[in-house]
Amino acid sequence: MSDPDRKKAKSDARIGGMVAAAVLVFLAVFTVIFVLAG
């Protein structure tokens, strides 16, 4: 019963990691644009 839960947690962690990476990239690009424009 704990195997599906562990698999789901791992999948959620992977999705969370991709979201975090996307947010970091977005912030980096936004910062570069802000600095260049400012």
PDB file of N, CA and C in Angstrom:
ATOM      1  N   MET A   1       0.839  -1.202   0.000  1.00  0.00           N
ATOM      2  CA  MET A   1       0.000   0.000   0.000  1.00  0.00           C
ATOM      3  C   MET A   1       0.875   1.253   0.000  1.00  0.00           C
ATOM      4  N   SER A   2       2.089   1.147   0.501  1.00  0.00           N
ATOM      5  CA  SER A   2       2.956   2.336   0.593  1.00  0.00           C
ATOM      6  C   SER A   2       3.699   2.580  -0.722  1.00  0.00           C
ATOM      7  N   ASP A   3       3.749   1.581  -1.608  1.00  0.00           N
ATOM      8  CA  ASP A   3       4.455   1.763  -2.888  1.00  0.00           C
ATOM      9  C   ASP A   3       3.797   2.840  -3.772  1.00  0.00           C
ATOM     10  N   PRO A   4       2.483   2.767  -4.012  1.00  0.00           N
ATOM     11  CA  PRO A   4       1.851   3.810  -4.844  1.00  0.00           C
ATOM     12  C   PRO A   4       2.022   5.189  -4.221  1.00  0.00           C
ATOM     13  N   ASP A   5       1.923   5.273  -2.906  1.00  0.00           N
ATOM     14  CA  ASP A   5       2.083   6.568  -2.233  1.00  0.00           C
ATOM     15  C   ASP A   5       3.486   7.109  -2.468  1.00  0.00           C
ATOM     16  N   ARG A   6       4.468   6.221  -2.333  1.00  0.00           N
ATOM     17  CA  ARG A   6       5.860   6.670  -2.522  1.00  0.00           C
ATOM     18  C   ARG A   6       6.057   7.124  -3.974  1.00  0.00           C
ATOM     19  N   LYS A   7       5.501   6.345  -4.914  1.00  0.00           N
ATOM     20  CA  LYS A   7       5.644   6.695  -6.335  1.00  0.00           C
ATOM     21  C   LYS A   7       4.985   8.053  -6.597  1.00  0.00           C
ATOM     22  N   LYS A   8       3.796   8.248  -6.034  1.00  0.00           N
ATOM     23  CA  LYS A   8       3.084   9.517  -6.234  1.00  0.00           C
ATOM     24  C   LYS A   8       3.898  10.668  -5.635  1.00  0.00           C
ATOM     25  N   ALA A   9       4.461  10.454  -4.453  1.00  0.00           N
ATOM     26  CA  ALA A   9       5.256  11.503  -3.805  1.00  0.00           C
ATOM     27  C   ALA A   9       6.463  11.845  -4.674  1.00  0.00           C
ATOM     28  N   LYS A  10       7.091  10.802  -5.237  1.00  0.00           N
ATOM     29  CA  LYS A  10       8.267  11.041  -6.097  1.00  0.00           C
ATOM     30  C   LYS A  10       7.848  11.847  -7.325  1.00  0.00           C
ATOM     31  N   SER A  11       6.716  11.497  -7.923  1.00  0.00           N
ATOM     32  CA  SER A  11       6.239  12.221  -9.109  1.00  0.00           C
ATOM     33  C   SER A  11       5.933  13.671  -8.744  1.00  0.00           C
ATOM     34  N   ASP A  12       5.265  13.872  -7.612  1.00  0.00           N
ATOM     35  CA  ASP A  12       4.945  15.234  -7.180  1.00  0.00           C
ATOM     36  C   ASP A  12       6.223  16.023  -6.939  1.00  0.00           C
ATOM     37  N   ALA A  13       7.233  15.376  -6.360  1.00  0.00           N
ATOM     38  CA  ALA A  13       8.502  16.064  -6.094  1.00  0.00           C
ATOM     39  C   ALA A  13       9.148  16.472  -7.410  1.00  0.00           C
ATOM     40  N   ARG A  14       9.073  15.583  -8.413  1.00  0.00           N
ATOM     41  CA  ARG A  14       9.670  15.902  -9.724  1.00  0.00           C
ATOM     42  C   ARG A  14       8.937  17.089 -10.343  1.00  0.00           C
ATOM     43  N   ILE A  15       7.609  17.077 -10.279  1.00  0.00           N
ATOM     44  CA  ILE A  15       6.824  18.194 -10.835  1.00  0.00           C
ATOM     45  C   ILE A  15       7.155  19.472 -10.073  1.00  0.00           C
ATOM     46  N   GLY A  16       7.246  19.375  -8.754  1.00  0.00           N
ATOM     47  CA  GLY A  16       7.590  20.546  -7.946  1.00  0.00           C
ATOM     48  C   GLY A  16       8.958  21.083  -8.325  1.00  0.00           C
ATOM     49  N   GLY A  17       9.893  20.180  -8.591  1.00  0.00           N
ATOM     50  CA  GLY A  17      11.239  20.607  -8.986  1.00  0.00           C
ATOM     51  C   GLY A  17      11.216  21.334 -10.318  1.00  0.00           C
ATOM     52  N   MET A  18      10.427  20.812 -11.264  1.00  0.00           N
ATOM     53  CA  MET A  18      10.348  21.474 -12.580  1.00  0.00           C
ATOM     54  C   MET A  18       9.699  22.844 -12.440  1.00  0.00           C
ATOM     55  N   VAL A  19       8.676  22.941 -11.597  1.00  0.00           N
ATOM     56  CA  VAL A  19       8.016  24.234 -11.373  1.00  0.00           C
ATOM     57  C   VAL A  19       8.998  25.206 -10.736  1.00  0.00           C
ATOM     58  N   ALA A  20       9.755  24.736  -9.741  1.00  0.00           N
ATOM     59  CA  ALA A  20      10.738  25.596  -9.078  1.00  0.00           C
ATOM     60  C   ALA A  20      11.791  26.068 -10.077  1.00  0.00           C
ATOM     61  N   ALA A  21      12.250  25.165 -10.937  1.00  0.00           N
ATOM     62  CA  ALA A  21      13.258  25.535 -11.942  1.00  0.00           C
ATOM     63  C   ALA A  21      12.677  26.566 -12.906  1.00  0.00           C
ATOM     64  N   ALA A  22      11.431  26.371 -13.316  1.00  0.00           N
ATOM     65  CA  ALA A  22      10.789  27.321 -14.235  1.00  0.00           C
ATOM     66  C   ALA A  22      10.671  28.691 -13.583  1.00  0.00           C
ATOM     67  N   VAL A  23      10.307  28.704 -12.297  1.00  0.00           N
ATOM     68  CA  VAL A  23      10.185  29.977 -11.575  1.00  0.00           C
ATOM     69  C   VAL A  23      11.540  30.665 -11.486  1.00  0.00           C
ATOM     70  N   LEU A  24      12.593  29.888 -11.188  1.00  0.00           N
ATOM     71  CA  LEU A  24      13.937  30.477 -11.092  1.00  0.00           C
ATOM     72  C   LEU A  24      14.357  31.065 -12.435  1.00  0.00           C
ATOM     73  N   VAL A  25      14.104  30.332 -13.515  1.00  0.00           N
ATOM     74  CA  VAL A  25      14.463  30.832 -14.852  1.00  0.00           C
ATOM     75  C   VAL A  25      13.673  32.102 -15.158  1.00  0.00           C
ATOM     76  N   PHE A  26      12.378  32.087 -14.834  1.00  0.00           N
ATOM     77  CA  PHE A  26      11.539  33.259 -15.090  1.00  0.00           C
ATOM     78  C   PHE A  26      12.062  34.467 -14.317  1.00  0.00           C
ATOM     79  N   LEU A  27      12.406  34.256 -13.042  1.00  0.00           N
ATOM     80  CA  LEU A  27      12.932  35.363 -12.229  1.00  0.00           C
ATOM     81  C   LEU A  27      14.247  35.869 -12.800  1.00  0.00           C
ATOM     82  N   ALA A  28      15.105  34.959 -13.245  1.00  0.00           N
ATOM     83  CA  ALA A  28      16.402  35.361 -13.808  1.00  0.00           C
ATOM     84  C   ALA A  28      16.187  36.198 -15.066  1.00  0.00           C
ATOM     85  N   VAL A  29      15.316  35.737 -15.961  1.00  0.00           N
ATOM     86  CA  VAL A  29      15.044  36.477 -17.202  1.00  0.00           C
ATOM     87  C   VAL A  29      14.422  37.829 -16.875  1.00  0.00           C
ATOM     88  N   PHE A  30      13.467  37.844 -15.950  1.00  0.00           N
ATOM     89  CA  PHE A  30      12.812  39.092 -15.563  1.00  0.00           C
ATOM     90  C   PHE A  30      13.830  40.076 -14.995  1.00  0.00           C
ATOM     91  N   THR A  31      14.752  39.570 -14.160  1.00  0.00           N
ATOM     92  CA  THR A  31      15.784  40.432 -13.573  1.00  0.00           C
ATOM     93  C   THR A  31      16.683  41.011 -14.658  1.00  0.00           C
ATOM     94  N   VAL A  32      17.099  40.179 -15.615  1.00  0.00           N
ATOM     95  CA  VAL A  32      17.969  40.656 -16.703  1.00  0.00           C
ATOM     96  C   VAL A  32      17.250  41.740 -17.503  1.00  0.00           C
ATOM     97  N   ILE A  33      15.995  41.491 -17.858  1.00  0.00           N
ATOM     98  CA  ILE A  33      15.231  42.478 -18.633  1.00  0.00           C
ATOM     99  C   ILE A  33      15.076  43.764 -17.826  1.00  0.00           C
ATOM    100  N   PHE A  34      14.782  43.621 -16.532  1.00  0.00           N
ATOM    101  CA  PHE A  34      14.595  44.802 -15.680  1.00  0.00           C
ATOM    102  C   PHE A  34      15.884  45.616 -15.609  1.00  0.00           C
ATOM    103  N   VAL A  35      17.017  44.933 -15.455  1.00  0.00           N
ATOM    104  CA  VAL A  35      18.311  45.628 -15.372  1.00  0.00           C
ATOM    105  C   VAL A  35      18.629  46.313 -16.699  1.00  0.00           C
ATOM    106  N   LEU A  36      18.422  45.604 -17.803  1.00  0.00           N
ATOM    107  CA  LEU A  36      18.722  46.193 -19.117  1.00  0.00           C
ATOM    108  C   LEU A  36      17.794  47.372 -19.407  1.00  0.00           C
ATOM    109  N   ALA A  37      16.526  47.240 -19.038  1.00  0.00           N
ATOM    110  CA  ALA A  37      15.560  48.309 -19.314  1.00  0.00           C
ATOM    111  C   ALA A  37      15.768  49.478 -18.349  1.00  0.00           C
ATOM    112  N   GLY A  38      16.160  49.160 -17.114  1.00  0.00           N
ATOM    113  CA  GLY A  38      16.303  50.208 -16.101  1.00  0.00           C
ATOM    114  C   GLY A  38      17.603  50.941 -16.239  1.00  0.00           C
TER     115      GLY A  38
END
